[in-house]
Amino acid sequence: NLYCNLVDSGEKAGALEKMLDRIATYLEKTELLKKKVK
């Protein structure tokens, strides 16, 4: 839901590319953190 809601906000604001960049950064950081914890 978080991913879909953020994409929806980006589409409605007309800044989808910025939102996708922000989501990508968030996902990359989260996955890196998960790897460290594992």
Full PDB file with SEQRES, HELIX, SHEET, SSBOND, CRYST1, ORIGX, SCALE, CONECT and MASTER records, all heavy atoms in Angstrom:
SEQRES   1 A   38  ASN LEU TYR CYS ASN LEU VAL ASP SER GLY GLU LYS ALA          
SEQRES   2 A   38  GLY ALA LEU GLU LYS MET LEU ASP ARG ILE ALA THR TYR          
SEQRES   3 A   38  LEU GLU LYS THR GLU LEU LEU LYS LYS LYS VAL LYS              
HELIX    1 AA1 LEU A    2  ALA A   13  1                                  12    
HELIX    2 AA2 LEU A   16  VAL A   37  1                                  22    
CRYST1    1.000    1.000    1.000  90.00  90.00  90.00 P 1           1          
ORIGX1      1.000000  0.000000  0.000000        0.00000                         
ORIGX2      0.000000  1.000000  0.000000        0.00000                         
ORIGX3      0.000000  0.000000  1.000000        0.00000                         
SCALE1      1.000000  0.000000  0.000000        0.00000                         
SCALE2      0.000000  1.000000  0.000000        0.00000                         
SCALE3      0.000000  0.000000  1.000000        0.00000                         
ATOM      1  N   ASN A   1       0.821  -1.222   0.000  1.00  0.00           N  
ATOM      2  CA  ASN A   1       0.000   0.000   0.000  1.00  0.00           C  
ATOM      3  C   ASN A   1       0.848   1.262   0.000  1.00  0.00           C  
ATOM      4  O   ASN A   1       0.508   2.253  -0.650  1.00  0.00           O  
ATOM      5  CB  ASN A   1      -0.936   0.009   1.218  1.00  0.00           C  
ATOM      6  CG  ASN A   1      -2.140  -0.885   1.013  1.00  0.00           C  
ATOM      7  OD1 ASN A   1      -2.578  -1.093  -0.116  1.00  0.00           O  
ATOM      8  ND2 ASN A   1      -2.649  -1.444   2.098  1.00  0.00           N  
ATOM      9  N   LEU A   2       1.949   1.233   0.753  1.00  0.00           N  
ATOM     10  CA  LEU A   2       2.845   2.393   0.822  1.00  0.00           C  
ATOM     11  C   LEU A   2       3.381   2.742  -0.567  1.00  0.00           C  
ATOM     12  O   LEU A   2       3.335   3.910  -0.984  1.00  0.00           O  
ATOM     13  CB  LEU A   2       4.001   2.094   1.780  1.00  0.00           C  
ATOM     14  CG  LEU A   2       5.102   3.151   1.883  1.00  0.00           C  
ATOM     15  CD1 LEU A   2       4.550   4.459   2.402  1.00  0.00           C  
ATOM     16  CD2 LEU A   2       6.241   2.661   2.775  1.00  0.00           C  
ATOM     17  N   TYR A   3       3.866   1.751  -1.293  1.00  0.00           N  
ATOM     18  CA  TYR A   3       4.401   1.953  -2.645  1.00  0.00           C  
ATOM     19  C   TYR A   3       3.316   2.535  -3.554  1.00  0.00           C  
ATOM     20  O   TYR A   3       3.546   3.536  -4.256  1.00  0.00           O  
ATOM     21  CB  TYR A   3       4.904   0.609  -3.187  1.00  0.00           C  
ATOM     22  CG  TYR A   3       5.750   0.698  -4.443  1.00  0.00           C  
ATOM     23  CD1 TYR A   3       7.109   0.442  -4.393  1.00  0.00           C  
ATOM     24  CD2 TYR A   3       5.192   1.028  -5.684  1.00  0.00           C  
ATOM     25  CE1 TYR A   3       7.904   0.507  -5.540  1.00  0.00           C  
ATOM     26  CE2 TYR A   3       5.968   1.095  -6.823  1.00  0.00           C  
ATOM     27  CZ  TYR A   3       7.315   0.836  -6.754  1.00  0.00           C  
ATOM     28  OH  TYR A   3       8.087   0.910  -7.894  1.00  0.00           O  
ATOM     29  N   CYS A   4       2.141   1.915  -3.543  1.00  0.00           N  
ATOM     30  CA  CYS A   4       1.046   2.347  -4.431  1.00  0.00           C  
ATOM     31  C   CYS A   4       0.569   3.760  -4.087  1.00  0.00           C  
ATOM     32  O   CYS A   4       0.296   4.566  -4.990  1.00  0.00           O  
ATOM     33  CB  CYS A   4      -0.121   1.367  -4.343  1.00  0.00           C  
ATOM     34  SG  CYS A   4       0.295  -0.294  -4.924  1.00  0.00           S  
ATOM     35  N   ASN A   5       0.481   4.060  -2.782  1.00  0.00           N  
ATOM     36  CA  ASN A   5       0.035   5.395  -2.364  1.00  0.00           C  
ATOM     37  C   ASN A   5       1.030   6.478  -2.786  1.00  0.00           C  
ATOM     38  O   ASN A   5       0.628   7.577  -3.205  1.00  0.00           O  
ATOM     39  CB  ASN A   5      -0.160   5.433  -0.850  1.00  0.00           C  
ATOM     40  CG  ASN A   5      -1.358   4.614  -0.397  1.00  0.00           C  
ATOM     41  OD1 ASN A   5      -2.246   4.323  -1.201  1.00  0.00           O  
ATOM     42  ND2 ASN A   5      -1.384   4.226   0.858  1.00  0.00           N  
ATOM     43  N   LEU A   6       2.318   6.175  -2.673  1.00  0.00           N  
ATOM     44  CA  LEU A   6       3.345   7.144  -3.078  1.00  0.00           C  
ATOM     45  C   LEU A   6       3.311   7.386  -4.588  1.00  0.00           C  
ATOM     46  O   LEU A   6       3.419   8.530  -5.046  1.00  0.00           O  
ATOM     47  CB  LEU A   6       4.734   6.657  -2.655  1.00  0.00           C  
ATOM     48  CG  LEU A   6       5.036   6.655  -1.150  1.00  0.00           C  
ATOM     49  CD1 LEU A   6       6.366   5.991  -0.867  1.00  0.00           C  
ATOM     50  CD2 LEU A   6       5.029   8.068  -0.588  1.00  0.00           C  
ATOM     51  N   VAL A   7       3.139   6.316  -5.374  1.00  0.00           N  
ATOM     52  CA  VAL A   7       3.037   6.454  -6.835  1.00  0.00           C  
ATOM     53  C   VAL A   7       1.787   7.269  -7.195  1.00  0.00           C  
ATOM     54  O   VAL A   7       1.830   8.138  -8.077  1.00  0.00           O  
ATOM     55  CB  VAL A   7       2.999   5.065  -7.515  1.00  0.00           C  
ATOM     56  CG1 VAL A   7       2.615   5.183  -8.990  1.00  0.00           C  
ATOM     57  CG2 VAL A   7       4.357   4.381  -7.406  1.00  0.00           C  
ATOM     58  N   ASP A   8       0.691   6.996  -6.484  1.00  0.00           N  
ATOM     59  CA  ASP A   8      -0.559   7.728  -6.715  1.00  0.00           C  
ATOM     60  C   ASP A   8      -0.367   9.222  -6.442  1.00  0.00           C  
ATOM     61  O   ASP A   8      -0.819  10.074  -7.219  1.00  0.00           O  
ATOM     62  CB  ASP A   8      -1.647   7.151  -5.807  1.00  0.00           C  
ATOM     63  CG  ASP A   8      -3.039   7.638  -6.195  1.00  0.00           C  
ATOM     64  OD1 ASP A   8      -3.272   7.871  -7.401  1.00  0.00           O  
ATOM     65  OD2 ASP A   8      -3.890   7.788  -5.306  1.00  0.00           O  
ATOM     66  N   SER A   9       0.328   9.542  -5.335  1.00  0.00           N  
ATOM     67  CA  SER A   9       0.610  10.955  -4.995  1.00  0.00           C  
ATOM     68  C   SER A   9       1.465  11.605  -6.086  1.00  0.00           C  
ATOM     69  O   SER A   9       1.217  12.748  -6.480  1.00  0.00           O  
ATOM     70  CB  SER A   9       1.341  11.044  -3.661  1.00  0.00           C  
ATOM     71  OG  SER A   9       0.583  10.506  -2.633  1.00  0.00           O  
ATOM     72  N   GLY A  10       2.475  10.873  -6.570  1.00  0.00           N  
ATOM     73  CA  GLY A  10       3.346  11.395  -7.628  1.00  0.00           C  
ATOM     74  C   GLY A  10       2.598  11.641  -8.926  1.00  0.00           C  
ATOM     75  O   GLY A  10       2.829  12.655  -9.604  1.00  0.00           O  
ATOM     76  N   GLU A  11       1.698  10.731  -9.290  1.00  0.00           N  
ATOM     77  CA  GLU A  11       0.892  10.894 -10.510  1.00  0.00           C  
ATOM     78  C   GLU A  11      -0.015  12.118 -10.415  1.00  0.00           C  
ATOM     79  O   GLU A  11      -0.110  12.914 -11.356  1.00  0.00           O  
ATOM     80  CB  GLU A  11       0.041   9.641 -10.743  1.00  0.00           C  
ATOM     81  CG  GLU A  11       0.789   8.494 -11.400  1.00  0.00           C  
ATOM     82  CD  GLU A  11      -0.135   7.366 -11.807  1.00  0.00           C  
ATOM     83  OE1 GLU A  11      -0.823   6.821 -10.926  1.00  0.00           O  
ATOM     84  OE2 GLU A  11      -0.173   7.026 -13.000  1.00  0.00           O  
ATOM     85  N   LYS A  12      -0.678  12.253  -9.284  1.00  0.00           N  
ATOM     86  CA  LYS A  12      -1.622  13.376  -9.101  1.00  0.00           C  
ATOM     87  C   LYS A  12      -0.900  14.723  -9.053  1.00  0.00           C  
ATOM     88  O   LYS A  12      -1.434  15.742  -9.490  1.00  0.00           O  
ATOM     89  CB  LYS A  12      -2.437  13.169  -7.829  1.00  0.00           C  
ATOM     90  CG  LYS A  12      -3.480  12.055  -7.973  1.00  0.00           C  
ATOM     91  CD  LYS A  12      -4.194  11.767  -6.669  1.00  0.00           C  
ATOM     92  CE  LYS A  12      -5.215  10.663  -6.856  1.00  0.00           C  
ATOM     93  NZ  LYS A  12      -5.840  10.259  -5.577  1.00  0.00           N  
ATOM     94  N   ALA A  13       0.330  14.721  -8.519  1.00  0.00           N  
ATOM     95  CA  ALA A  13       1.103  15.969  -8.414  1.00  0.00           C  
ATOM     96  C   ALA A  13       1.858  16.286  -9.703  1.00  0.00           C  
ATOM     97  O   ALA A  13       2.449  17.367  -9.834  1.00  0.00           O  
ATOM     98  CB  ALA A  13       2.086  15.869  -7.252  1.00  0.00           C  
ATOM     99  N   GLY A  14       1.872  15.342 -10.657  1.00  0.00           N  
ATOM    100  CA  GLY A  14       2.594  15.553 -11.920  1.00  0.00           C  
ATOM    101  C   GLY A  14       4.097  15.466 -11.775  1.00  0.00           C  
ATOM    102  O   GLY A  14       4.846  16.036 -12.565  1.00  0.00           O  
ATOM    103  N   ALA A  15       4.544  14.749 -10.727  1.00  0.00           N  
ATOM    104  CA  ALA A  15       5.995  14.613 -10.493  1.00  0.00           C  
ATOM    105  C   ALA A  15       6.334  13.145 -10.261  1.00  0.00           C  
ATOM    106  O   ALA A  15       6.980  12.786  -9.270  1.00  0.00           O  
ATOM    107  CB  ALA A  15       6.401  15.460  -9.292  1.00  0.00           C  
ATOM    108  N   LEU A  16       5.898  12.298 -11.183  1.00  0.00           N  
ATOM    109  CA  LEU A  16       6.076  10.854 -11.021  1.00  0.00           C  
ATOM    110  C   LEU A  16       7.542  10.454 -11.010  1.00  0.00           C  
ATOM    111  O   LEU A  16       7.950   9.600 -10.224  1.00  0.00           O  
ATOM    112  CB  LEU A  16       5.328  10.104 -12.135  1.00  0.00           C  
ATOM    113  CG  LEU A  16       5.334   8.571 -12.059  1.00  0.00           C  
ATOM    114  CD1 LEU A  16       4.753   8.078 -10.737  1.00  0.00           C  
ATOM    115  CD2 LEU A  16       4.564   7.970 -13.229  1.00  0.00           C  
ATOM    116  N   GLU A  17       8.364  11.089 -11.879  1.00  0.00           N  
ATOM    117  CA  GLU A  17       9.784  10.701 -11.945  1.00  0.00           C  
ATOM    118  C   GLU A  17      10.509  11.005 -10.631  1.00  0.00           C  
ATOM    119  O   GLU A  17      11.338  10.209 -10.162  1.00  0.00           O  
ATOM    120  CB  GLU A  17      10.492  11.368 -13.131  1.00  0.00           C  
ATOM    121  CG  GLU A  17      10.634  12.886 -13.076  1.00  0.00           C  
ATOM    122  CD  GLU A  17       9.371  13.624 -13.513  1.00  0.00           C  
ATOM    123  OE1 GLU A  17       8.400  12.962 -13.910  1.00  0.00           O  
ATOM    124  OE2 GLU A  17       9.378  14.869 -13.440  1.00  0.00           O  
ATOM    125  N   LYS A  18      10.170  12.153  -9.999  1.00  0.00           N  
ATOM    126  CA  LYS A  18      10.783  12.495  -8.703  1.00  0.00           C  
ATOM    127  C   LYS A  18      10.341  11.507  -7.622  1.00  0.00           C  
ATOM    128  O   LYS A  18      11.135  11.091  -6.771  1.00  0.00           O  
ATOM    129  CB  LYS A  18      10.403  13.927  -8.294  1.00  0.00           C  
ATOM    130  CG  LYS A  18      11.107  15.002  -9.105  1.00  0.00           C  
ATOM    131  CD  LYS A  18      10.725  16.381  -8.604  1.00  0.00           C  
ATOM    132  CE  LYS A  18      11.395  17.475  -9.451  1.00  0.00           C  
ATOM    133  NZ  LYS A  18      10.960  18.822  -9.013  1.00  0.00           N  
ATOM    134  N   MET A  19       9.047  11.158  -7.676  1.00  0.00           N  
ATOM    135  CA  MET A  19       8.513  10.230  -6.683  1.00  0.00           C  
ATOM    136  C   MET A  19       9.138   8.840  -6.834  1.00  0.00           C  
ATOM    137  O   MET A  19       9.488   8.191  -5.848  1.00  0.00           O  
ATOM    138  CB  MET A  19       6.984  10.145  -6.815  1.00  0.00           C  
ATOM    139  CG  MET A  19       6.328   9.272  -5.746  1.00  0.00           C  
ATOM    140  SD  MET A  19       6.758   9.769  -4.076  1.00  0.00           S  
ATOM    141  CE  MET A  19       5.965  11.363  -3.988  1.00  0.00           C  
ATOM    142  N   LEU A  20       9.303   8.378  -8.072  1.00  0.00           N  
ATOM    143  CA  LEU A  20       9.923   7.076  -8.314  1.00  0.00           C  
ATOM    144  C   LEU A  20      11.379   7.069  -7.832  1.00  0.00           C  
ATOM    145  O   LEU A  20      11.853   6.072  -7.284  1.00  0.00           O  
ATOM    146  CB  LEU A  20       9.865   6.718  -9.804  1.00  0.00           C  
ATOM    147  CG  LEU A  20       8.502   6.265 -10.341  1.00  0.00           C  
ATOM    148  CD1 LEU A  20       8.547   6.136 -11.857  1.00  0.00           C  
ATOM    149  CD2 LEU A  20       8.066   4.944  -9.722  1.00  0.00           C  
ATOM    150  N   ASP A  21      12.068   8.191  -8.034  1.00  0.00           N  
ATOM    151  CA  ASP A  21      13.448   8.318  -7.554  1.00  0.00           C  
ATOM    152  C   ASP A  21      13.495   8.222  -6.030  1.00  0.00           C  
ATOM    153  O   ASP A  21      14.355   7.541  -5.457  1.00  0.00           O  
ATOM    154  CB  ASP A  21      14.021   9.656  -8.025  1.00  0.00           C  
ATOM    155  CG  ASP A  21      15.495   9.811  -7.651  1.00  0.00           C  
ATOM    156  OD1 ASP A  21      16.286   8.940  -8.039  1.00  0.00           O  
ATOM    157  OD2 ASP A  21      15.817  10.785  -6.955  1.00  0.00           O  
ATOM    158  N   ARG A  22      12.533   8.876  -5.378  1.00  0.00           N  
ATOM    159  CA  ARG A  22      12.470   8.849  -3.915  1.00  0.00           C  
ATOM    160  C   ARG A  22      12.128   7.444  -3.406  1.00  0.00           C  
ATOM    161  O   ARG A  22      12.701   6.964  -2.425  1.00  0.00           O  
ATOM    162  CB  ARG A  22      11.404   9.860  -3.459  1.00  0.00           C  
ATOM    163  CG  ARG A  22      11.449  10.184  -1.988  1.00  0.00           C  
ATOM    164  CD  ARG A  22      10.565  11.365  -1.681  1.00  0.00           C  
ATOM    165  NE  ARG A  22      11.191  12.615  -2.036  1.00  0.00           N  
ATOM    166  CZ  ARG A  22      10.534  13.705  -2.436  1.00  0.00           C  
ATOM    167  NH1 ARG A  22       9.237  13.679  -2.560  1.00  0.00           N  
ATOM    168  NH2 ARG A  22      11.176  14.817  -2.725  1.00  0.00           N  
ATOM    169  N   ILE A  23      11.187   6.782  -4.091  1.00  0.00           N  
ATOM    170  CA  ILE A  23      10.799   5.412  -3.704  1.00  0.00           C  
ATOM    171  C   ILE A  23      11.982   4.465  -3.894  1.00  0.00           C  
ATOM    172  O   ILE A  23      12.235   3.604  -3.048  1.00  0.00           O  
ATOM    173  CB  ILE A  23       9.587   4.925  -4.537  1.00  0.00           C  
ATOM    174  CG1 ILE A  23       8.344   5.753  -4.220  1.00  0.00           C  
ATOM    175  CG2 ILE A  23       9.297   3.449  -4.259  1.00  0.00           C  
ATOM    176  CD1 ILE A  23       7.176   5.515  -5.172  1.00  0.00           C  
ATOM    177  N   ALA A  24      12.694   4.626  -5.011  1.00  0.00           N  
ATOM    178  CA  ALA A  24      13.858   3.764  -5.290  1.00  0.00           C  
ATOM    179  C   ALA A  24      14.912   3.918  -4.198  1.00  0.00           C  
ATOM    180  O   ALA A  24      15.476   2.920  -3.714  1.00  0.00           O  
ATOM    181  CB  ALA A  24      14.450   4.112  -6.655  1.00  0.00           C  
ATOM    182  N   THR A  25      15.177   5.163  -3.788  1.00  0.00           N  
ATOM    183  CA  THR A  25      16.151   5.412  -2.714  1.00  0.00           C  
ATOM    184  C   THR A  25      15.704   4.747  -1.420  1.00  0.00           C  
ATOM    185  O   THR A  25      16.497   4.096  -0.723  1.00  0.00           O  
ATOM    186  CB  THR A  25      16.321   6.930  -2.488  1.00  0.00           C  
ATOM    187  OG1 THR A  25      16.731   7.536  -3.716  1.00  0.00           O  
ATOM    188  CG2 THR A  25      17.352   7.216  -1.416  1.00  0.00           C  
ATOM    189  N   TYR A  26      14.411   4.905  -1.105  1.00  0.00           N  
ATOM    190  CA  TYR A  26      13.848   4.305   0.114  1.00  0.00           C  
ATOM    191  C   TYR A  26      13.983   2.780   0.087  1.00  0.00           C  
ATOM    192  O   TYR A  26      14.431   2.162   1.063  1.00  0.00           O  
ATOM    193  CB  TYR A  26      12.376   4.723   0.253  1.00  0.00           C  
ATOM    194  CG  TYR A  26      11.519   3.735   0.995  1.00  0.00           C  
ATOM    195  CD1 TYR A  26      11.687   3.487   2.350  1.00  0.00           C  
ATOM    196  CD2 TYR A  26      10.511   3.026   0.326  1.00  0.00           C  
ATOM    197  CE1 TYR A  26      10.900   2.564   3.025  1.00  0.00           C  
ATOM    198  CE2 TYR A  26       9.725   2.105   0.988  1.00  0.00           C  
ATOM    199  CZ  TYR A  26       9.920   1.882   2.329  1.00  0.00           C  
ATOM    200  OH  TYR A  26       9.145   0.968   2.981  1.00  0.00           O  
ATOM    201  N   LEU A  27      13.631   2.154  -1.049  1.00  0.00           N  
ATOM    202  CA  LEU A  27      13.700   0.694  -1.165  1.00  0.00           C  
ATOM    203  C   LEU A  27      15.144   0.191  -1.077  1.00  0.00           C  
ATOM    204  O   LEU A  27      15.424  -0.821  -0.426  1.00  0.00           O  
ATOM    205  CB  LEU A  27      13.072   0.228  -2.483  1.00  0.00           C  
ATOM    206  CG  LEU A  27      11.552   0.357  -2.600  1.00  0.00           C  
ATOM    207  CD1 LEU A  27      11.104  -0.008  -4.009  1.00  0.00           C  
ATOM    208  CD2 LEU A  27      10.836  -0.526  -1.587  1.00  0.00           C  
ATOM    209  N   GLU A  28      16.060   0.899  -1.752  1.00  0.00           N  
ATOM    210  CA  GLU A  28      17.476   0.498  -1.725  1.00  0.00           C  
ATOM    211  C   GLU A  28      18.045   0.568  -0.310  1.00  0.00           C  
ATOM    212  O   GLU A  28      18.745  -0.347   0.138  1.00  0.00           O  
ATOM    213  CB  GLU A  28      18.288   1.392  -2.671  1.00  0.00           C  
ATOM    214  CG  GLU A  28      18.055   1.090  -4.140  1.00  0.00           C  
ATOM    215  CD  GLU A  28      18.494   2.222  -5.063  1.00  0.00           C  
ATOM    216  OE1 GLU A  28      18.952   3.277  -4.556  1.00  0.00           O  
ATOM    217  OE2 GLU A  28      18.376   2.054  -6.281  1.00  0.00           O  
ATOM    218  N   LYS A  29      17.731   1.658   0.401  1.00  0.00           N  
ATOM    219  CA  LYS A  29      18.218   1.817   1.780  1.00  0.00           C  
ATOM    220  C   LYS A  29      17.614   0.752   2.692  1.00  0.00           C  
ATOM    221  O   LYS A  29      18.305   0.189   3.556  1.00  0.00           O  
ATOM    222  CB  LYS A  29      17.859   3.216   2.304  1.00  0.00           C  
ATOM    223  CG  LYS A  29      18.531   4.359   1.570  1.00  0.00           C  
ATOM    224  CD  LYS A  29      19.942   4.583   2.066  1.00  0.00           C  
ATOM    225  CE  LYS A  29      20.550   5.835   1.454  1.00  0.00           C  
ATOM    226  NZ  LYS A  29      21.944   6.041   1.886  1.00  0.00           N  
ATOM    227  N   THR A  30      16.308   0.484   2.498  1.00  0.00           N  
ATOM    228  CA  THR A  30      15.625  -0.509   3.332  1.00  0.00           C  
ATOM    229  C   THR A  30      16.197  -1.896   3.117  1.00  0.00           C  
ATOM    230  O   THR A  30      16.436  -2.645   4.076  1.00  0.00           O  
ATOM    231  CB  THR A  30      14.111  -0.513   3.021  1.00  0.00           C  
ATOM    232  OG1 THR A  30      13.584   0.804   3.181  1.00  0.00           O  
ATOM    233  CG2 THR A  30      13.358  -1.456   3.944  1.00  0.00           C  
ATOM    234  N   GLU A  31      16.430  -2.265   1.849  1.00  0.00           N  
ATOM    235  CA  GLU A  31      16.973  -3.588   1.544  1.00  0.00           C  
ATOM    236  C   GLU A  31      18.406  -3.735   2.067  1.00  0.00           C  
ATOM    237  O   GLU A  31      18.786  -4.798   2.553  1.00  0.00           O  
ATOM    238  CB  GLU A  31      16.947  -3.835   0.023  1.00  0.00           C  
ATOM    239  CG  GLU A  31      15.572  -4.136  -0.526  1.00  0.00           C  
ATOM    240  CD  GLU A  31      14.863  -5.248   0.220  1.00  0.00           C  
ATOM    241  OE1 GLU A  31      15.411  -6.364   0.295  1.00  0.00           O  
ATOM    242  OE2 GLU A  31      13.777  -4.990   0.755  1.00  0.00           O  
ATOM    243  N   LEU A  32      19.172  -2.646   1.983  1.00  0.00           N  
ATOM    244  CA  LEU A  32      20.542  -2.663   2.511  1.00  0.00           C  
ATOM    245  C   LEU A  32      20.531  -2.879   4.022  1.00  0.00           C  
ATOM    246  O   LEU A  32      21.325  -3.655   4.565  1.00  0.00           O  
ATOM    247  CB  LEU A  32      21.241  -1.344   2.168  1.00  0.00           C  
ATOM    248  CG  LEU A  32      22.746  -1.265   2.438  1.00  0.00           C  
ATOM    249  CD1 LEU A  32      23.513  -2.272   1.595  1.00  0.00           C  
ATOM    250  CD2 LEU A  32      23.259   0.153   2.165  1.00  0.00           C  
ATOM    251  N   LEU A  33      19.586  -2.214   4.698  1.00  0.00           N  
ATOM    252  CA  LEU A  33      19.443  -2.358   6.149  1.00  0.00           C  
ATOM    253  C   LEU A  33      19.034  -3.789   6.516  1.00  0.00           C  
ATOM    254  O   LEU A  33      19.557  -4.372   7.468  1.00  0.00           O  
ATOM    255  CB  LEU A  33      18.403  -1.353   6.661  1.00  0.00           C  
ATOM    256  CG  LEU A  33      18.298  -1.173   8.175  1.00  0.00           C  
ATOM    257  CD1 LEU A  33      19.598  -0.626   8.739  1.00  0.00           C  
ATOM    258  CD2 LEU A  33      17.145  -0.247   8.518  1.00  0.00           C  
ATOM    259  N   LYS A  34      18.109  -4.352   5.737  1.00  0.00           N  
ATOM    260  CA  LYS A  34      17.672  -5.740   5.975  1.00  0.00           C  
ATOM    261  C   LYS A  34      18.847  -6.710   5.846  1.00  0.00           C  
ATOM    262  O   LYS A  34      18.989  -7.641   6.639  1.00  0.00           O  
ATOM    263  CB  LYS A  34      16.583  -6.136   4.966  1.00  0.00           C  
ATOM    264  CG  LYS A  34      15.197  -5.629   5.309  1.00  0.00           C  
ATOM    265  CD  LYS A  34      14.211  -6.137   4.265  1.00  0.00           C  
ATOM    266  CE  LYS A  34      12.837  -5.539   4.465  1.00  0.00           C  
ATOM    267  NZ  LYS A  34      11.906  -5.961   3.375  1.00  0.00           N  
ATOM    268  N   LYS A  35      19.686  -6.485   4.828  1.00  0.00           N  
ATOM    269  CA  LYS A  35      20.850  -7.357   4.618  1.00  0.00           C  
ATOM    270  C   LYS A  35      21.801  -7.288   5.811  1.00  0.00           C  
ATOM    271  O   LYS A  35      22.351  -8.305   6.246  1.00  0.00           O  
ATOM    272  CB  LYS A  35      21.593  -6.943   3.345  1.00  0.00           C  
ATOM    273  CG  LYS A  35      20.955  -7.472   2.069  1.00  0.00           C  
ATOM    274  CD  LYS A  35      21.807  -7.145   0.861  1.00  0.00           C  
ATOM    275  CE  LYS A  35      21.172  -7.683  -0.418  1.00  0.00           C  
ATOM    276  NZ  LYS A  35      21.976  -7.368  -1.613  1.00  0.00           N  
ATOM    277  N   LYS A  36      21.992  -6.065   6.331  1.00  0.00           N  
ATOM    278  CA  LYS A  36      22.885  -5.897   7.480  1.00  0.00           C  
ATOM    279  C   LYS A  36      22.342  -6.622   8.709  1.00  0.00           C  
ATOM    280  O   LYS A  36      23.098  -7.263   9.455  1.00  0.00           O  
ATOM    281  CB  LYS A  36      23.071  -4.405   7.784  1.00  0.00           C  
ATOM    282  CG  LYS A  36      23.929  -3.686   6.750  1.00  0.00           C  
ATOM    283  CD  LYS A  36      23.894  -2.191   6.977  1.00  0.00           C  
ATOM    284  CE  LYS A  36      24.643  -1.462   5.874  1.00  0.00           C  
ATOM    285  NZ  LYS A  36      24.494   0.001   5.972  1.00  0.00           N  
ATOM    286  N   VAL A  37      21.030  -6.499   8.937  1.00  0.00           N  
ATOM    287  CA  VAL A  37      20.404  -7.163  10.088  1.00  0.00           C  
ATOM    288  C   VAL A  37      20.483  -8.685   9.939  1.00  0.00           C  
ATOM    289  O   VAL A  37      20.775  -9.404  10.891  1.00  0.00           O  
ATOM    290  CB  VAL A  37      18.940  -6.696  10.254  1.00  0.00           C  
ATOM    291  CG1 VAL A  37      18.233  -7.502  11.331  1.00  0.00           C  
ATOM    292  CG2 VAL A  37      18.888  -5.211  10.598  1.00  0.00           C  
ATOM    293  N   LYS A  38      20.230  -9.180   8.712  1.00  0.00           N  
ATOM    294  CA  LYS A  38      20.340 -10.623   8.455  1.00  0.00           C  
ATOM    295  C   LYS A  38      21.762 -11.121   8.706  1.00  0.00           C  
ATOM    296  O   LYS A  38      21.979 -12.202   9.253  1.00  0.00           O  
ATOM    297  CB  LYS A  38      19.935 -10.930   7.010  1.00  0.00           C  
ATOM    298  CG  LYS A  38      18.441 -11.047   6.802  1.00  0.00           C  
ATOM    299  CD  LYS A  38      18.125 -11.428   5.376  1.00  0.00           C  
ATOM    300  CE  LYS A  38      16.610 -11.479   5.156  1.00  0.00           C  
ATOM    301  NZ  LYS A  38      16.273 -11.786   3.744  1.00  0.00           N  
TER     302      LYS A  38                                                      
MASTER        0    0    0    2    0    0    0    6  301    1    0    3          
END                                                                             
